[in-house]
Amino acid sequence: MKAAALLQAKDVQVDFTVRGRRLQAVAGVTLCLAPAEALGLVGESGCGKSTFGRALVRLVQPTAGTVCFDGIDVTRLDMARLRILRRRMPIVFQDPISSLNPRRSIGQTIAEPMRYAGLRDPAAQARQTQALLERVGLDPALAARQPHQLSGGQCQRVSIARALAAGPQLLICDEAVSALDVSVQAQIVNLLQDLRRARALALLFISHDLAVVRRIADRVAVMYLGRLCEVADVERFFAAPAHPYSQALLSAVPDMDGKRRHARITLHGELPSPLAPPSGCRFRTRCPRAQARCAAEAPLLREIAPGSSVACHFPDEPAP
């Protein structure tokens, strides 16, 4: 990556205790994100991708590892400084309605980060709120309404406007369009793309929907049971995924004409419990390439070609 990293997560681990047993939701994930870059983080439900996103801003406390944002070690900040830093890397959550305070008007919701950032003048807050509502494609008159008076798509636009209110450098979208219908999803994705260009905004787009990720991401990172399987440039990933899990995920995604570019791959076996993950490679119990080495040794994420890194002992090698 040519640009200096805006975000660097190194060996991030998140453990929970469930009925007295350790559940390792995130198992040593290392990722970086450049300024103005869009990274799509994908995987099945329960793979740890949302937990990882929340760990970046310590909404979930990392058990181990470090997170640096713009040169600042997030894991070492006290709560006062952490709250300030979160304005520069806010999260847009999956449920657009429940993520908004039902007791506050839309205008109050958007203006709140401005007050924390030091803008105290009510008239200036109102002007910026109006500008943000217009920027996300909403009528400024909606500032007087309550969240329950808006549709899901409108509420998600409000959530994005609120996230933009303090002038962030990075937007973390945690399944931000999955609760919306397809036409509204497209509108929100187009909005995020416009905002990236206009504000040089970096984007971590967490999703299980590869078709949406393909539209918005520059790179794709794939997680399985808390670990990264593959990280690749978006064009390379969709043309020739190297990890067998990536291939299985991608085989289920139809093209715009409804046809599949890749032969359908059906994974056999049950998804292992994160309370008792397999030894070695966590994907080996469902992998058609698994060999004895896969049970004995966890594969490291390694570069197999420029713009393509894979955690697999036997990946598909890229064409020269």
Protein backbone atom coordinates (compact mmCIF):
# COMPACT_ATOMS: atom_id res chain seq x y z
CA MET A 1 0.00 0.00 0.00
CA LYS A 2 1.53 3.29 -1.05
CA ALA A 3 -0.24 5.67 1.32
CA ALA A 4 0.60 5.64 5.02
CA ALA A 5 -2.01 3.66 6.93
CA LEU A 6 -4.77 5.63 8.61
CA LEU A 7 -5.82 2.60 10.65
CA GLN A 8 -3.56 -0.27 11.74
CA ALA A 9 -4.94 -3.20 13.69
CA LYS A 10 -2.32 -5.74 14.73
CA ASP A 11 -3.04 -9.17 16.24
CA VAL A 12 -6.39 -8.03 17.62
CA GLN A 13 -8.02 -10.64 19.81
CA VAL A 14 -11.40 -10.50 21.54
CA ASP A 15 -12.43 -13.15 24.06
CA PHE A 16 -15.74 -13.60 25.86
CA THR A 17 -16.71 -15.95 28.66
CA VAL A 18 -19.77 -18.07 27.89
CA ARG A 19 -21.02 -20.44 30.59
CA GLY A 20 -17.57 -20.49 32.11
CA ARG A 21 -15.83 -21.25 28.82
CA ARG A 22 -13.70 -19.00 26.64
CA LEU A 23 -15.13 -17.94 23.31
CA GLN A 24 -12.53 -16.39 21.03
CA ALA A 25 -14.63 -14.16 18.78
CA VAL A 26 -11.62 -12.51 17.11
CA ALA A 27 -8.42 -14.52 16.98
CA GLY A 28 -5.44 -12.34 16.10
CA VAL A 29 -6.63 -10.21 13.18
CA THR A 30 -4.18 -7.85 11.49
CA LEU A 31 -5.51 -5.29 8.98
CA CYS A 32 -4.65 -1.82 7.75
CA LEU A 33 -6.67 0.84 6.01
CA ALA A 34 -5.29 3.74 3.99
CA PRO A 35 -6.78 7.25 3.91
CA ALA A 36 -9.83 7.39 1.60
CA GLU A 37 -9.71 3.62 1.05
CA ALA A 38 -12.79 1.38 1.27
CA LEU A 39 -12.24 -2.06 2.77
CA GLY A 40 -15.02 -4.64 2.71
CA LEU A 41 -14.95 -7.09 5.65
CA VAL A 42 -17.09 -10.14 4.87
CA GLY A 43 -18.02 -13.54 6.26
CA GLU A 44 -20.89 -15.60 7.61
CA SER A 45 -22.92 -14.51 10.62
CA GLY A 46 -20.96 -15.19 13.79
CA CYS A 47 -17.54 -15.02 12.14
CA GLY A 48 -16.45 -12.08 14.33
CA LYS A 49 -16.49 -9.27 11.79
CA SER A 50 -18.84 -6.99 13.75
CA THR A 51 -16.99 -7.72 16.99
CA PHE A 52 -13.75 -6.73 15.26
CA GLY A 53 -15.29 -3.47 14.02
CA ARG A 54 -16.48 -2.58 17.50
CA ALA A 55 -13.11 -3.50 19.01
CA LEU A 56 -11.47 -0.88 16.79
CA VAL A 57 -13.23 1.87 18.77
CA ARG A 58 -13.35 -0.14 22.03
CA LEU A 59 -17.08 -0.55 22.14
CA VAL A 60 -15.83 -4.08 22.74
CA GLN A 61 -12.58 -4.22 24.69
CA PRO A 62 -9.79 -6.09 22.87
CA THR A 63 -8.27 -8.89 24.93
CA ALA A 64 -4.94 -8.52 23.15
CA GLY A 65 -3.36 -6.69 20.23
CA THR A 66 -3.11 -3.03 19.27
CA VAL A 67 -5.17 -0.57 17.24
CA CYS A 68 -3.54 2.62 15.96
CA PHE A 69 -5.60 5.34 14.31
CA ASP A 70 -3.71 8.19 12.65
CA GLY A 71 -0.69 7.34 14.80
CA ILE A 72 -2.66 7.19 18.07
CA ASP A 73 -2.75 3.94 20.05
CA VAL A 74 -6.48 3.50 20.65
CA THR A 75 -5.94 0.66 23.11
CA ARG A 76 -4.08 2.93 25.55
CA LEU A 77 -6.42 5.93 25.61
CA ASP A 78 -8.38 6.88 28.72
CA MET A 79 -12.15 7.22 28.24
CA ALA A 80 -12.12 11.02 27.87
CA ARG A 81 -9.64 10.93 24.99
CA LEU A 82 -11.27 7.85 23.51
CA ARG A 83 -14.62 9.67 23.24
CA ILE A 84 -12.90 12.48 21.36
CA LEU A 85 -11.18 10.03 18.99
CA ARG A 86 -14.44 8.20 18.27
CA ARG A 87 -15.76 11.32 16.55
CA ARG A 88 -13.09 10.79 13.91
CA MET A 89 -14.05 7.13 13.35
CA PRO A 90 -17.80 6.73 14.10
CA ILE A 91 -19.90 3.61 13.51
CA VAL A 92 -23.11 3.38 11.49
CA PHE A 93 -25.03 0.40 12.87
CA GLN A 94 -27.26 -2.17 11.23
CA ASP A 95 -30.66 -1.13 12.63
CA PRO A 96 -31.16 2.50 11.59
CA ILE A 97 -34.20 3.08 13.79
CA SER A 98 -33.09 1.58 17.10
CA SER A 99 -29.67 3.24 16.80
CA LEU A 100 -31.30 6.70 17.06
CA ASN A 101 -32.51 8.17 20.36
CA PRO A 102 -36.33 8.12 20.19
CA ARG A 103 -36.57 11.06 22.63
CA ARG A 104 -34.55 13.41 20.43
CA SER A 105 -35.61 15.11 17.24
CA ILE A 106 -33.63 14.44 14.08
CA GLY A 107 -32.05 17.88 14.35
CA GLN A 108 -31.00 17.31 17.97
CA THR A 109 -29.55 13.91 17.05
CA ILE A 110 -27.37 15.34 14.28
CA ALA A 111 -26.32 18.40 16.30
CA GLU A 112 -25.17 16.45 19.35
CA PRO A 113 -21.69 15.56 17.98
CA MET A 114 -21.22 19.20 17.00
CA ARG A 115 -21.66 20.28 20.62
CA TYR A 116 -19.14 17.71 21.80
CA ALA A 117 -16.74 18.97 19.13
CA GLY A 118 -17.04 22.52 20.54
CA LEU A 119 -19.69 24.14 18.32
CA ARG A 120 -22.00 25.79 20.87
CA ASP A 121 -23.85 28.36 18.75
CA PRO A 122 -27.41 27.05 18.13
CA ALA A 123 -27.73 28.98 14.87
CA ALA A 124 -24.48 27.49 13.53
CA GLN A 125 -25.61 24.04 14.62
CA ALA A 126 -28.90 24.52 12.77
CA ARG A 127 -27.10 25.63 9.59
CA GLN A 128 -24.75 22.66 9.67
CA THR A 129 -27.61 20.27 10.43
CA GLN A 130 -29.53 21.59 7.44
CA ALA A 131 -26.45 21.22 5.22
CA LEU A 132 -25.87 17.65 6.40
CA LEU A 133 -29.48 16.65 5.82
CA GLU A 134 -29.26 18.02 2.29
CA ARG A 135 -25.92 16.26 1.79
CA VAL A 136 -27.44 12.88 2.61
CA GLY A 137 -30.44 13.54 0.40
CA LEU A 138 -33.06 14.48 3.00
CA ASP A 139 -35.39 17.46 3.30
CA PRO A 140 -34.04 19.82 6.00
CA ALA A 141 -37.63 20.11 7.28
CA LEU A 142 -37.21 16.59 8.69
CA ALA A 143 -35.01 18.06 11.44
CA ALA A 144 -38.14 18.69 13.52
CA ARG A 145 -39.38 15.10 13.33
CA GLN A 146 -38.78 12.09 15.59
CA PRO A 147 -37.12 8.87 14.37
CA HIS A 148 -40.38 6.89 14.44
CA GLN A 149 -41.82 9.29 11.86
CA LEU A 150 -39.17 8.33 9.27
CA SER A 151 -38.68 5.25 7.13
CA GLY A 152 -35.77 2.86 7.67
CA GLY A 153 -33.87 4.31 4.72
CA GLN A 154 -34.40 7.86 5.98
CA CYS A 155 -33.21 6.87 9.46
CA GLN A 156 -30.06 5.35 8.01
CA ARG A 157 -29.36 8.59 6.16
CA VAL A 158 -29.83 10.42 9.47
CA SER A 159 -27.34 8.02 11.09
CA ILE A 160 -24.83 8.83 8.35
CA ALA A 161 -25.45 12.58 8.74
CA ARG A 162 -24.84 12.26 12.47
CA ALA A 163 -21.63 10.33 11.85
CA LEU A 164 -20.43 13.09 9.51
CA ALA A 165 -21.27 15.91 11.93
CA ALA A 166 -17.85 15.98 13.61
CA GLY A 167 -15.86 15.67 10.36
CA PRO A 168 -14.59 12.06 10.57
CA GLN A 169 -11.71 10.52 8.64
CA LEU A 170 -13.07 6.97 8.80
CA LEU A 171 -16.60 5.64 8.74
CA ILE A 172 -17.24 2.12 10.07
CA CYS A 173 -20.42 0.68 8.56
CA ASP A 174 -21.54 -2.40 10.46
CA GLU A 175 -24.09 -4.16 8.22
CA ALA A 176 -25.39 -0.67 7.51
CA VAL A 177 -27.60 -1.65 4.56
CA SER A 178 -28.59 -5.22 5.41
CA ALA A 179 -31.89 -4.20 7.07
CA LEU A 180 -32.99 -2.18 4.02
CA ASP A 181 -34.72 -3.29 0.84
CA VAL A 182 -32.67 -3.59 -2.34
CA SER A 183 -33.60 -0.23 -3.87
CA VAL A 184 -32.81 1.64 -0.64
CA GLN A 185 -29.55 -0.33 -0.28
CA ALA A 186 -28.47 0.97 -3.67
CA GLN A 187 -29.28 4.54 -2.66
CA ILE A 188 -27.25 4.29 0.56
CA VAL A 189 -24.29 2.68 -1.24
CA ASN A 190 -24.34 5.47 -3.85
CA LEU A 191 -24.45 8.02 -1.03
CA LEU A 192 -21.43 6.45 0.68
CA GLN A 193 -19.50 6.44 -2.60
CA ASP A 194 -20.31 10.12 -3.15
CA LEU A 195 -19.21 10.96 0.40
CA ARG A 196 -15.94 9.11 -0.06
CA ARG A 197 -15.11 11.14 -3.15
CA ALA A 198 -16.24 14.47 -1.70
CA ARG A 199 -14.60 14.12 1.72
CA ALA A 200 -11.69 11.70 1.04
CA LEU A 201 -13.38 9.50 3.64
CA ALA A 202 -12.01 6.04 4.49
CA LEU A 203 -14.60 3.30 4.86
CA LEU A 204 -14.66 -0.03 6.68
CA PHE A 205 -17.74 -1.73 5.24
CA ILE A 206 -18.73 -4.80 7.27
CA SER A 207 -21.21 -7.00 5.44
CA HIS A 208 -22.22 -10.54 4.55
CA ASP A 209 -23.39 -9.36 1.11
CA LEU A 210 -20.59 -9.76 -1.43
CA ALA A 211 -22.62 -8.14 -4.21
CA VAL A 212 -22.83 -4.91 -2.20
CA VAL A 213 -19.18 -5.13 -1.17
CA ARG A 214 -18.14 -5.45 -4.80
CA ARG A 215 -19.78 -2.12 -5.60
CA ILE A 216 -18.17 -0.13 -2.82
CA ALA A 217 -14.84 -1.69 -1.80
CA ASP A 218 -11.27 -1.24 -3.03
CA ARG A 219 -10.15 -4.34 -1.12
CA VAL A 220 -11.91 -7.32 0.42
CA ALA A 221 -11.03 -9.14 3.67
CA VAL A 222 -12.71 -12.47 4.44
CA MET A 223 -13.19 -13.81 7.99
CA TYR A 224 -14.04 -17.32 9.18
CA LEU A 225 -14.45 -18.21 12.86
CA GLY A 226 -12.55 -15.16 14.04
CA ARG A 227 -9.59 -15.35 11.66
CA LEU A 228 -8.77 -13.81 8.30
CA CYS A 229 -8.77 -16.19 5.35
CA GLU A 230 -7.96 -13.84 2.52
CA VAL A 231 -7.28 -10.15 1.82
CA ALA A 232 -7.21 -9.06 -1.81
CA ASP A 233 -7.85 -6.19 -4.19
CA VAL A 234 -11.50 -6.25 -5.15
CA GLU A 235 -10.99 -7.02 -8.85
CA ARG A 236 -8.55 -9.83 -8.17
CA PHE A 237 -10.78 -11.26 -5.44
CA PHE A 238 -13.90 -11.43 -7.58
CA ALA A 239 -12.02 -12.71 -10.62
CA ALA A 240 -9.94 -15.40 -8.90
CA PRO A 241 -10.35 -15.93 -5.14
CA ALA A 242 -7.52 -18.05 -3.77
CA HIS A 243 -8.92 -19.44 -0.49
CA PRO A 244 -11.45 -22.32 -0.70
CA TYR A 245 -13.79 -20.53 1.72
CA SER A 246 -13.70 -17.37 -0.40
CA GLN A 247 -14.46 -19.49 -3.47
CA ALA A 248 -17.47 -21.05 -1.75
CA LEU A 249 -18.82 -17.65 -0.68
CA LEU A 250 -18.34 -16.16 -4.11
CA SER A 251 -19.90 -19.11 -5.92
CA ALA A 252 -23.25 -18.19 -4.36
CA VAL A 253 -23.21 -14.62 -5.71
CA PRO A 254 -24.98 -14.11 -9.09
CA ASP A 255 -23.93 -11.46 -11.58
CA MET A 256 -26.15 -8.55 -12.55
CA ASP A 257 -27.84 -10.76 -15.17
CA GLY A 258 -28.66 -13.38 -12.54
CA LYS A 259 -26.03 -15.85 -13.76
CA ARG A 260 -23.13 -17.15 -11.69
CA ARG A 261 -19.57 -16.67 -12.92
CA HIS A 262 -18.26 -19.40 -10.62
CA ALA A 263 -19.50 -23.00 -10.29
CA ARG A 264 -21.61 -23.42 -7.17
CA ILE A 265 -19.60 -24.85 -4.28
CA THR A 266 -21.49 -26.50 -1.44
CA LEU A 267 -19.69 -26.68 1.89
CA HIS A 268 -20.22 -29.94 3.75
CA GLY A 269 -20.21 -30.40 7.48
CA GLU A 270 -21.50 -28.17 10.26
CA LEU A 271 -20.05 -24.79 11.10
CA PRO A 272 -17.86 -25.49 14.16
CA SER A 273 -18.70 -23.88 17.48
CA PRO A 274 -16.49 -20.90 18.35
CA LEU A 275 -16.36 -22.39 21.86
CA ALA A 276 -14.42 -25.36 20.44
CA PRO A 277 -12.85 -24.38 17.10
CA PRO A 278 -10.86 -27.00 15.15
CA SER A 279 -7.12 -27.24 15.66
CA GLY A 280 -4.84 -25.82 13.01
CA CYS A 281 -6.85 -24.27 10.19
CA ARG A 282 -10.33 -23.45 11.46
CA PHE A 283 -11.83 -24.09 8.03
CA ARG A 284 -10.32 -27.56 7.60
CA THR A 285 -13.41 -29.50 8.76
CA ARG A 286 -15.34 -28.16 5.75
CA CYS A 287 -12.48 -27.77 3.28
CA PRO A 288 -12.13 -30.05 0.22
CA ARG A 289 -8.34 -29.53 0.22
CA ALA A 290 -7.70 -30.37 3.88
CA GLN A 291 -4.66 -32.53 4.63
CA ALA A 292 -2.86 -33.64 7.79
CA ARG A 293 -0.85 -30.42 7.90
CA CYS A 294 -4.08 -28.41 8.15
CA ALA A 295 -4.99 -30.06 11.46
CA ALA A 296 -1.50 -29.65 12.93
CA GLU A 297 -0.60 -26.13 11.85
CA ALA A 298 -2.63 -22.92 11.57
CA PRO A 299 -1.81 -21.23 8.24
CA LEU A 300 -0.43 -17.71 8.40
CA LEU A 301 -1.75 -14.91 6.22
CA ARG A 302 0.92 -14.57 3.52
CA GLU A 303 1.20 -12.65 0.28
CA ILE A 304 0.96 -14.91 -2.77
CA ALA A 305 0.81 -12.08 -5.33
CA PRO A 306 0.76 -8.27 -5.29
CA GLY A 307 -2.53 -7.26 -3.71
CA SER A 308 -3.42 -10.80 -2.60
CA SER A 309 -2.74 -12.45 0.78
CA VAL A 310 -4.15 -15.83 1.85
CA ALA A 311 -4.13 -17.93 5.03
CA CYS A 312 -4.06 -21.36 3.43
CA HIS A 313 -1.43 -24.09 3.13
CA PHE A 314 -2.68 -25.01 -0.33
CA PRO A 315 -4.15 -21.91 -1.99
CA ASP A 316 -4.95 -21.52 -5.64
CA GLU A 317 -1.88 -19.82 -7.02
CA PRO A 318 -2.65 -16.73 -9.13
CA ALA A 319 -1.97 -16.84 -12.86
CA PRO A 320 1.29 -15.10 -13.87
